[in-house]
């Protein structure tokens, strides 16, 4: 048997029913996207990213800091002056 949690407001709060759709509502509670299928570029990008999904990212954010410094202007900010977190 599955235990059902009832919030303090008890019977006035409906229980979430997975897969239930309310007419006229956009359902995004189940990790669904509302804008149709993926773009032509998204699938290959996901496939490429999946090759490195088991890697822990660097904590130095070198590429991000370099990109931000380049965007802002290296004369104004060097990558070492940018904090990311």
PDB file of N, CA and C in Angstrom:
ATOM      1  N   UNK A   1       0.839  -1.182   0.000  1.00  0.00           N
ATOM      2  CA  UNK A   1       0.000   0.000   0.000  1.00  0.00           C
ATOM      3  C   UNK A   1       0.885   1.247   0.000  1.00  0.00           C
ATOM      4  N   UNK A   2       0.495   2.251  -0.749  1.00  0.00           N
ATOM      5  CA  UNK A   2       1.243   3.506  -0.836  1.00  0.00           C
ATOM      6  C   UNK A   2       0.703   4.473   0.210  1.00  0.00           C
ATOM      7  N   UNK A   3       1.610   5.077   0.967  1.00  0.00           N
ATOM      8  CA  UNK A   3       1.208   6.065   1.962  1.00  0.00           C
ATOM      9  C   UNK A   3       0.896   7.374   1.264  1.00  0.00           C
ATOM     10  N   UNK A   4      -0.168   8.022   1.684  1.00  0.00           N
ATOM     11  CA  UNK A   4      -0.580   9.296   1.098  1.00  0.00           C
ATOM     12  C   UNK A   4      -0.369  10.383   2.134  1.00  0.00           C
ATOM     13  N   UNK A   5       0.404  11.403   1.769  1.00  0.00           N
ATOM     14  CA  UNK A   5       0.645  12.536   2.660  1.00  0.00           C
ATOM     15  C   UNK A   5      -0.452  13.567   2.447  1.00  0.00           C
ATOM     16  N   UNK A   6      -1.069  13.980   3.502  1.00  0.00           N
ATOM     17  CA  UNK A   6      -2.076  15.036   3.439  1.00  0.00           C
ATOM     18  C   UNK A   6      -1.517  16.272   4.129  1.00  0.00           C
ATOM     19  N   UNK A   7      -1.475  17.412   3.447  1.00  0.00           N
ATOM     20  CA  UNK A   7      -1.003  18.642   4.078  1.00  0.00           C
ATOM     21  C   UNK A   7      -1.925  19.052   5.229  1.00  0.00           C
ATOM     22  N   UNK A   8      -1.486  19.997   6.069  1.00  0.00           N
ATOM     23  CA  UNK A   8      -2.270  20.411   7.234  1.00  0.00           C
ATOM     24  C   UNK A   8      -3.696  20.857   6.904  1.00  0.00           C
ATOM     25  N   UNK A   9      -3.910  21.406   5.702  1.00  0.00           N
ATOM     26  CA  UNK A   9      -5.269  21.853   5.368  1.00  0.00           C
ATOM     27  C   UNK A   9      -6.172  20.678   4.997  1.00  0.00           C
ATOM     28  N   UNK A  10      -5.656  19.463   5.129  1.00  0.00           N
ATOM     29  CA  UNK A  10      -6.407  18.219   5.035  1.00  0.00           C
ATOM     30  C   UNK A  10      -7.294  18.032   3.838  1.00  0.00           C
ATOM     31  N   UNK A  11      -8.549  17.733   4.068  1.00  0.00           N
ATOM     32  CA  UNK A  11      -9.433  17.326   2.983  1.00  0.00           C
ATOM     33  C   UNK A  11      -9.705  18.421   1.955  1.00  0.00           C
ATOM     34  N   UNK A  12      -9.381  19.666   2.269  1.00  0.00           N
ATOM     35  CA  UNK A  12      -9.613  20.741   1.305  1.00  0.00           C
ATOM     36  C   UNK A  12      -8.581  20.754   0.186  1.00  0.00           C
ATOM     37  N   UNK A  13      -7.465  20.061   0.384  1.00  0.00           N
ATOM     38  CA  UNK A  13      -6.389  20.036  -0.609  1.00  0.00           C
ATOM     39  C   UNK A  13      -6.475  18.733  -1.399  1.00  0.00           C
ATOM     40  N   UNK A  14      -6.673  18.824  -2.728  1.00  0.00           N
ATOM     41  CA  UNK A  14      -6.777  17.594  -3.510  1.00  0.00           C
ATOM     42  C   UNK A  14      -5.454  16.847  -3.583  1.00  0.00           C
ATOM     43  N   UNK A  15      -5.511  15.545  -3.706  1.00  0.00           N
ATOM     44  CA  UNK A  15      -4.325  14.704  -3.847  1.00  0.00           C
ATOM     45  C   UNK A  15      -3.883  14.754  -5.302  1.00  0.00           C
ATOM     46  N   UNK A  16      -2.569  14.901  -5.521  1.00  0.00           N
ATOM     47  CA  UNK A  16      -2.029  14.902  -6.885  1.00  0.00           C
ATOM     48  C   UNK A  16      -2.211  13.524  -7.506  1.00  0.00           C
ATOM     49  N   UNK A  17      -2.744  13.516  -8.699  1.00  0.00           N
ATOM     50  CA  UNK A  17      -2.925  12.271  -9.438  1.00  0.00           C
ATOM     51  C   UNK A  17      -1.990  12.300 -10.642  1.00  0.00           C
ATOM     52  N   UNK A  18      -0.956  11.469 -10.683  1.00  0.00           N
ATOM     53  CA  UNK A  18      -0.032  11.457 -11.821  1.00  0.00           C
ATOM     54  C   UNK A  18      -0.787  11.186 -13.120  1.00  0.00           C
ATOM     55  N   UNK A  19      -0.455  11.961 -14.129  1.00  0.00           N
ATOM     56  CA  UNK A  19      -1.055  11.751 -15.438  1.00  0.00           C
ATOM     57  C   UNK A  19      -2.399  12.428 -15.620  1.00  0.00           C
ATOM     58  N   UNK A  20      -2.944  12.995 -14.560  1.00  0.00           N
ATOM     59  CA  UNK A  20      -4.246  13.648 -14.663  1.00  0.00           C
ATOM     60  C   UNK A  20      -4.087  14.978 -15.393  1.00  0.00           C
ATOM     61  N   UNK A  21      -4.974  15.246 -16.314  1.00  0.00           N
ATOM     62  CA  UNK A  21      -4.933  16.479 -17.066  1.00  0.00           C
ATOM     63  C   UNK A  21      -6.203  17.273 -16.808  1.00  0.00           C
ATOM     64  N   UNK A  22      -6.050  18.545 -16.542  1.00  0.00           N
ATOM     65  CA  UNK A  22      -7.182  19.435 -16.345  1.00  0.00           C
ATOM     66  C   UNK A  22      -7.493  20.084 -17.683  1.00  0.00           C
ATOM     67  N   UNK A  23      -8.731  20.005 -18.164  1.00  0.00           N
ATOM     68  CA  UNK A  23      -9.082  20.597 -19.459  1.00  0.00           C
ATOM     69  C   UNK A  23      -8.682  22.071 -19.539  1.00  0.00           C
ATOM     70  N   UNK A  24      -8.008  22.439 -20.621  1.00  0.00           N
ATOM     71  CA  UNK A  24      -7.588  23.816 -20.846  1.00  0.00           C
ATOM     72  C   UNK A  24      -6.270  24.197 -20.203  1.00  0.00           C
ATOM     73  N   UNK A  25      -5.686  23.302 -19.397  1.00  0.00           N
ATOM     74  CA  UNK A  25      -4.427  23.604 -18.718  1.00  0.00           C
ATOM     75  C   UNK A  25      -3.251  23.067 -19.523  1.00  0.00           C
ATOM     76  N   UNK A  26      -2.104  23.706 -19.361  1.00  0.00           N
ATOM     77  CA  UNK A  26      -0.874  23.198 -19.959  1.00  0.00           C
ATOM     78  C   UNK A  26      -0.172  22.390 -18.887  1.00  0.00           C
ATOM     79  N   UNK A  27       0.010  21.113 -19.130  1.00  0.00           N
ATOM     80  CA  UNK A  27       0.580  20.218 -18.128  1.00  0.00           C
ATOM     81  C   UNK A  27       2.097  20.198 -18.253  1.00  0.00           C
ATOM     82  N   UNK A  28       2.782  20.672 -17.227  1.00  0.00           N
ATOM     83  CA  UNK A  28       4.243  20.628 -17.231  1.00  0.00           C
ATOM     84  C   UNK A  28       4.773  19.977 -15.960  1.00  0.00           C
ATOM     85  N   UNK A  29       3.897  19.370 -15.179  1.00  0.00           N
ATOM     86  CA  UNK A  29       4.306  18.778 -13.912  1.00  0.00           C
ATOM     87  C   UNK A  29       5.068  17.470 -14.093  1.00  0.00           C
ATOM     88  N   UNK A  30       5.032  16.886 -15.254  1.00  0.00           N
ATOM     89  CA  UNK A  30       5.688  15.595 -15.477  1.00  0.00           C
ATOM     90  C   UNK A  30       6.890  15.741 -16.407  1.00  0.00           C
ATOM     91  N   UNK A  31       7.608  16.854 -16.276  1.00  0.00           N
ATOM     92  CA  UNK A  31       8.769  17.138 -17.126  1.00  0.00           C
ATOM     93  C   UNK A  31       8.421  17.115 -18.601  1.00  0.00           C
ATOM     94  N   UNK A  32       7.276  17.640 -18.915  1.00  0.00           N
ATOM     95  CA  UNK A  32       6.862  17.734 -20.305  1.00  0.00           C
ATOM     96  C   UNK A  32       7.163  19.137 -20.795  1.00  0.00           C
ATOM     97  N   UNK A  33       7.458  19.254 -22.081  1.00  0.00           N
ATOM     98  CA  UNK A  33       7.642  20.590 -22.639  1.00  0.00           C
ATOM     99  C   UNK A  33       6.431  20.943 -23.471  1.00  0.00           C
ATOM    100  N   UNK A  34       6.064  22.187 -23.431  1.00  0.00           N
ATOM    101  CA  UNK A  34       4.818  22.619 -24.062  1.00  0.00           C
ATOM    102  C   UNK A  34       4.994  23.082 -25.505  1.00  0.00           C
ATOM    103  N   UNK A  35       6.215  23.103 -26.004  1.00  0.00           N
ATOM    104  CA  UNK A  35       6.478  23.661 -27.325  1.00  0.00           C
ATOM    105  C   UNK A  35       6.756  22.612 -28.390  1.00  0.00           C
ATOM    106  N   UNK A  36       6.188  21.436 -28.263  1.00  0.00           N
ATOM    107  CA  UNK A  36       6.347  20.427 -29.295  1.00  0.00           C
ATOM    108  C   UNK A  36       7.677  19.707 -29.227  1.00  0.00           C
ATOM    109  N   UNK A  37       8.008  18.961 -30.296  1.00  0.00           N
ATOM    110  CA  UNK A  37       9.233  18.151 -30.298  1.00  0.00           C
ATOM    111  C   UNK A  37      10.505  19.003 -30.306  1.00  0.00           C
ATOM    112  N   UNK A  38      11.619  18.346 -30.025  1.00  0.00           N
ATOM    113  CA  UNK A  38      12.913  19.028 -30.005  1.00  0.00           C
ATOM    114  C   UNK A  38      13.259  19.588 -31.381  1.00  0.00           C
ATOM    115  N   UNK A  39      14.064  20.630 -31.391  1.00  0.00           N
ATOM    116  CA  UNK A  39      14.534  21.165 -32.659  1.00  0.00           C
ATOM    117  C   UNK A  39      15.500  20.173 -33.299  1.00  0.00           C
ATOM    118  N   UNK A  40      15.801  20.377 -34.554  1.00  0.00           N
ATOM    119  CA  UNK A  40      16.716  19.477 -35.276  1.00  0.00           C
ATOM    120  C   UNK A  40      18.106  19.468 -34.653  1.00  0.00           C
ATOM    121  N   UNK A  41      18.508  20.569 -34.029  1.00  0.00           N
ATOM    122  CA  UNK A  41      19.847  20.660 -33.438  1.00  0.00           C
ATOM    123  C   UNK A  41      19.905  20.091 -32.036  1.00  0.00           C
ATOM    124  N   UNK A  42      18.755  20.005 -31.339  1.00  0.00           N
ATOM    125  CA  UNK A  42      18.767  19.578 -29.943  1.00  0.00           C
ATOM    126  C   UNK A  42      19.160  18.115 -29.788  1.00  0.00           C
ATOM    127  N   UNK A  43      18.631  17.234 -30.620  1.00  0.00           N
ATOM    128  CA  UNK A  43      18.933  15.808 -30.503  1.00  0.00           C
ATOM    129  C   UNK A  43      20.421  15.512 -30.590  1.00  0.00           C
ATOM    130  N   UNK A  44      21.101  15.972 -31.652  1.00  0.00           N
ATOM    131  CA  UNK A  44      22.546  15.740 -31.737  1.00  0.00           C
ATOM    132  C   UNK A  44      23.325  16.396 -30.585  1.00  0.00           C
ATOM    133  N   UNK A  45      22.878  17.552 -30.108  1.00  0.00           N
ATOM    134  CA  UNK A  45      23.570  18.212 -28.990  1.00  0.00           C
ATOM    135  C   UNK A  45      23.433  17.383 -27.719  1.00  0.00           C
ATOM    136  N   UNK A  46      22.259  16.807 -27.503  1.00  0.00           N
ATOM    137  CA  UNK A  46      22.054  15.948 -26.329  1.00  0.00           C
ATOM    138  C   UNK A  46      22.918  14.703 -26.438  1.00  0.00           C
ATOM    139  N   UNK A  47      22.960  14.103 -27.637  1.00  0.00           N
ATOM    140  CA  UNK A  47      23.799  12.919 -27.849  1.00  0.00           C
ATOM    141  C   UNK A  47      25.270  13.226 -27.566  1.00  0.00           C
ATOM    142  N   UNK A  48      25.738  14.378 -28.032  1.00  0.00           N
ATOM    143  CA  UNK A  48      27.142  14.761 -27.827  1.00  0.00           C
ATOM    144  C   UNK A  48      27.422  14.996 -26.338  1.00  0.00           C
ATOM    145  N   UNK A  49      26.498  15.671 -25.650  1.00  0.00           N
ATOM    146  CA  UNK A  49      26.685  15.951 -24.230  1.00  0.00           C
ATOM    147  C   UNK A  49      26.647  14.677 -23.400  1.00  0.00           C
ATOM    148  N   UNK A  50      25.879  13.692 -23.844  1.00  0.00           N
ATOM    149  CA  UNK A  50      25.758  12.442 -23.093  1.00  0.00           C
ATOM    150  C   UNK A  50      27.079  11.684 -23.023  1.00  0.00           C
ATOM    151  N   UNK A  51      27.963  11.930 -23.971  1.00  0.00           N
ATOM    152  CA  UNK A  51      29.270  11.262 -23.960  1.00  0.00           C
ATOM    153  C   UNK A  51      30.092  11.645 -22.730  1.00  0.00           C
ATOM    154  N   UNK A  52      29.832  12.807 -22.155  1.00  0.00           N
ATOM    155  CA  UNK A  52      30.611  13.291 -21.012  1.00  0.00           C
ATOM    156  C   UNK A  52      29.774  13.442 -19.747  1.00  0.00           C
ATOM    157  N   UNK A  53      28.606  12.833 -19.719  1.00  0.00           N
ATOM    158  CA  UNK A  53      27.703  13.030 -18.586  1.00  0.00           C
ATOM    159  C   UNK A  53      28.260  12.466 -17.283  1.00  0.00           C
ATOM    160  N   UNK A  54      29.191  11.550 -17.375  1.00  0.00           N
ATOM    161  CA  UNK A  54      29.771  10.953 -16.174  1.00  0.00           C
ATOM    162  C   UNK A  54      30.946  11.759 -15.631  1.00  0.00           C
ATOM    163  N   UNK A  55      31.270  12.862 -16.231  1.00  0.00           N
ATOM    164  CA  UNK A  55      32.408  13.685 -15.800  1.00  0.00           C
ATOM    165  C   UNK A  55      31.961  14.776 -14.846  1.00  0.00           C
ATOM    166  N   UNK A  56      32.765  15.034 -13.836  1.00  0.00           N
ATOM    167  CA  UNK A  56      32.497  16.131 -12.915  1.00  0.00           C
ATOM    168  C   UNK A  56      33.097  17.391 -13.527  1.00  0.00           C
ATOM    169  N   UNK A  57      32.306  18.465 -13.631  1.00  0.00           N
ATOM    170  CA  UNK A  57      32.831  19.683 -14.248  1.00  0.00           C
ATOM    171  C   UNK A  57      33.919  20.322 -13.391  1.00  0.00           C
ATOM    172  N   UNK A  58      34.775  21.066 -14.033  1.00  0.00           N
ATOM    173  CA  UNK A  58      35.817  21.786 -13.317  1.00  0.00           C
ATOM    174  C   UNK A  58      35.196  22.862 -12.441  1.00  0.00           C
ATOM    175  N   UNK A  59      35.749  23.079 -11.291  1.00  0.00           N
ATOM    176  CA  UNK A  59      35.224  24.107 -10.399  1.00  0.00           C
ATOM    177  C   UNK A  59      35.826  25.477 -10.696  1.00  0.00           C
ATOM    178  N   UNK A  60      36.783  25.518 -11.605  1.00  0.00           N
ATOM    179  CA  UNK A  60      37.414  26.793 -11.938  1.00  0.00           C
ATOM    180  C   UNK A  60      36.638  27.560 -13.013  1.00  0.00           C
ATOM    181  N   UNK A  61      35.746  26.889 -13.735  1.00  0.00           N
ATOM    182  CA  UNK A  61      34.926  27.528 -14.778  1.00  0.00           C
ATOM    183  C   UNK A  61      35.778  28.322 -15.761  1.00  0.00           C
ATOM    184  N   UNK A  62      36.878  27.734 -16.189  1.00  0.00           N
ATOM    185  CA  UNK A  62      37.850  28.427 -17.036  1.00  0.00           C
ATOM    186  C   UNK A  62      37.210  28.932 -18.328  1.00  0.00           C
ATOM    187  N   UNK A  63      36.500  28.060 -19.035  1.00  0.00           N
ATOM    188  CA  UNK A  63      35.899  28.469 -20.315  1.00  0.00           C
ATOM    189  C   UNK A  63      34.847  29.553 -20.113  1.00  0.00           C
ATOM    190  N   UNK A  64      34.033  29.425 -19.061  1.00  0.00           N
ATOM    191  CA  UNK A  64      33.009  30.425 -18.790  1.00  0.00           C
ATOM    192  C   UNK A  64      33.634  31.776 -18.461  1.00  0.00           C
ATOM    193  N   UNK A  65      34.647  31.779 -17.595  1.00  0.00           N
ATOM    194  CA  UNK A  65      35.310  33.029 -17.223  1.00  0.00           C
ATOM    195  C   UNK A  65      36.000  33.670 -18.430  1.00  0.00           C
ATOM    196  N   UNK A  66      36.652  32.852 -19.251  1.00  0.00           N
ATOM    197  CA  UNK A  66      37.289  33.389 -20.458  1.00  0.00           C
ATOM    198  C   UNK A  66      36.251  34.009 -21.388  1.00  0.00           C
ATOM    199  N   UNK A  67      35.136  33.315 -21.555  1.00  0.00           N
ATOM    200  CA  UNK A  67      34.069  33.827 -22.423  1.00  0.00           C
ATOM    201  C   UNK A  67      33.472  35.118 -21.902  1.00  0.00           C
ATOM    202  N   UNK A  68      33.233  35.174 -20.594  1.00  0.00           N
ATOM    203  CA  UNK A  68      32.687  36.398 -20.003  1.00  0.00           C
ATOM    204  C   UNK A  68      33.675  37.558 -20.123  1.00  0.00           C
ATOM    205  N   UNK A  69      34.936  37.281 -19.844  1.00  0.00           N
ATOM    206  CA  UNK A  69      35.953  38.334 -19.951  1.00  0.00           C
ATOM    207  C   UNK A  69      36.041  38.848 -21.379  1.00  0.00           C
ATOM    208  N   UNK A  70      35.977  37.934 -22.330  1.00  0.00           N
ATOM    209  CA  UNK A  70      36.035  38.333 -23.739  1.00  0.00           C
ATOM    210  C   UNK A  70      34.806  39.165 -24.100  1.00  0.00           C
ATOM    211  N   UNK A  71      33.630  38.749 -23.609  1.00  0.00           N
ATOM    212  CA  UNK A  71      32.391  39.470 -23.905  1.00  0.00           C
ATOM    213  C   UNK A  71      32.395  40.867 -23.290  1.00  0.00           C
ATOM    214  N   UNK A  72      32.857  40.958 -22.032  1.00  0.00           N
ATOM    215  CA  UNK A  72      32.878  42.248 -21.333  1.00  0.00           C
ATOM    216  C   UNK A  72      34.005  43.125 -21.859  1.00  0.00           C
ATOM    217  N   UNK A  73      35.087  42.522 -22.194  1.00  0.00           N
ATOM    218  CA  UNK A  73      36.266  43.256 -22.637  1.00  0.00           C
ATOM    219  C   UNK A  73      37.403  42.981 -21.688  1.00  0.00           C
ATOM    220  N   UNK A  74      38.432  42.333 -22.171  1.00  0.00           N
ATOM    221  CA  UNK A  74      39.540  41.907 -21.303  1.00  0.00           C
ATOM    222  C   UNK A  74      40.227  43.073 -20.610  1.00  0.00           C
ATOM    223  N   UNK A  75      40.164  44.257 -21.194  1.00  0.00           N
ATOM    224  CA  UNK A  75      40.795  45.409 -20.535  1.00  0.00           C
ATOM    225  C   UNK A  75      40.035  45.780 -19.266  1.00  0.00           C
ATOM    226  N   UNK A  76      38.705  45.548 -19.262  1.00  0.00           N
ATOM    227  CA  UNK A  76      37.900  45.877 -18.089  1.00  0.00           C
ATOM    228  C   UNK A  76      38.011  44.795 -17.019  1.00  0.00           C
ATOM    229  N   UNK A  77      37.946  43.534 -17.452  1.00  0.00           N
ATOM    230  CA  UNK A  77      37.982  42.413 -16.512  1.00  0.00           C
ATOM    231  C   UNK A  77      38.812  41.282 -17.073  1.00  0.00           C
ATOM    232  N   UNK A  78      39.763  40.829 -16.300  1.00  0.00           N
ATOM    233  CA  UNK A  78      40.511  39.619 -16.647  1.00  0.00           C
ATOM    234  C   UNK A  78      39.732  38.440 -16.088  1.00  0.00           C
ATOM    235  N   UNK A  79      39.864  37.259 -16.665  1.00  0.00           N
ATOM    236  CA  UNK A  79      39.145  36.095 -16.135  1.00  0.00           C
ATOM    237  C   UNK A  79      39.360  35.883 -14.628  1.00  0.00           C
ATOM    238  N   UNK A  80      40.551  36.218 -14.120  1.00  0.00           N
ATOM    239  CA  UNK A  80      40.824  36.017 -12.693  1.00  0.00           C
ATOM    240  C   UNK A  80      40.033  36.970 -11.811  1.00  0.00           C
ATOM    241  N   UNK A  81      39.437  38.028 -12.404  1.00  0.00           N
ATOM    242  CA  UNK A  81      38.623  38.969 -11.647  1.00  0.00           C
ATOM    243  C   UNK A  81      37.143  38.584 -11.614  1.00  0.00           C
ATOM    244  N   UNK A  82      36.796  37.489 -12.255  1.00  0.00           N
ATOM    245  CA  UNK A  82      35.394  37.061 -12.353  1.00  0.00           C
ATOM    246  C   UNK A  82      35.169  35.883 -11.423  1.00  0.00           C
ATOM    247  N   UNK A  83      34.149  36.010 -10.591  1.00  0.00           N
ATOM    248  CA  UNK A  83      33.791  34.950  -9.656  1.00  0.00           C
ATOM    249  C   UNK A  83      32.509  34.275 -10.134  1.00  0.00           C
ATOM    250  N   UNK A  84      32.490  32.968 -10.114  1.00  0.00           N
ATOM    251  CA  UNK A  84      31.332  32.206 -10.555  1.00  0.00           C
ATOM    252  C   UNK A  84      30.946  31.256  -9.439  1.00  0.00           C
ATOM    253  N   UNK A  85      29.682  31.139  -9.195  1.00  0.00           N
ATOM    254  CA  UNK A  85      29.264  30.211  -8.156  1.00  0.00           C
ATOM    255  C   UNK A  85      27.783  30.143  -8.006  1.00  0.00           C
TER     256      UNK A  85
END
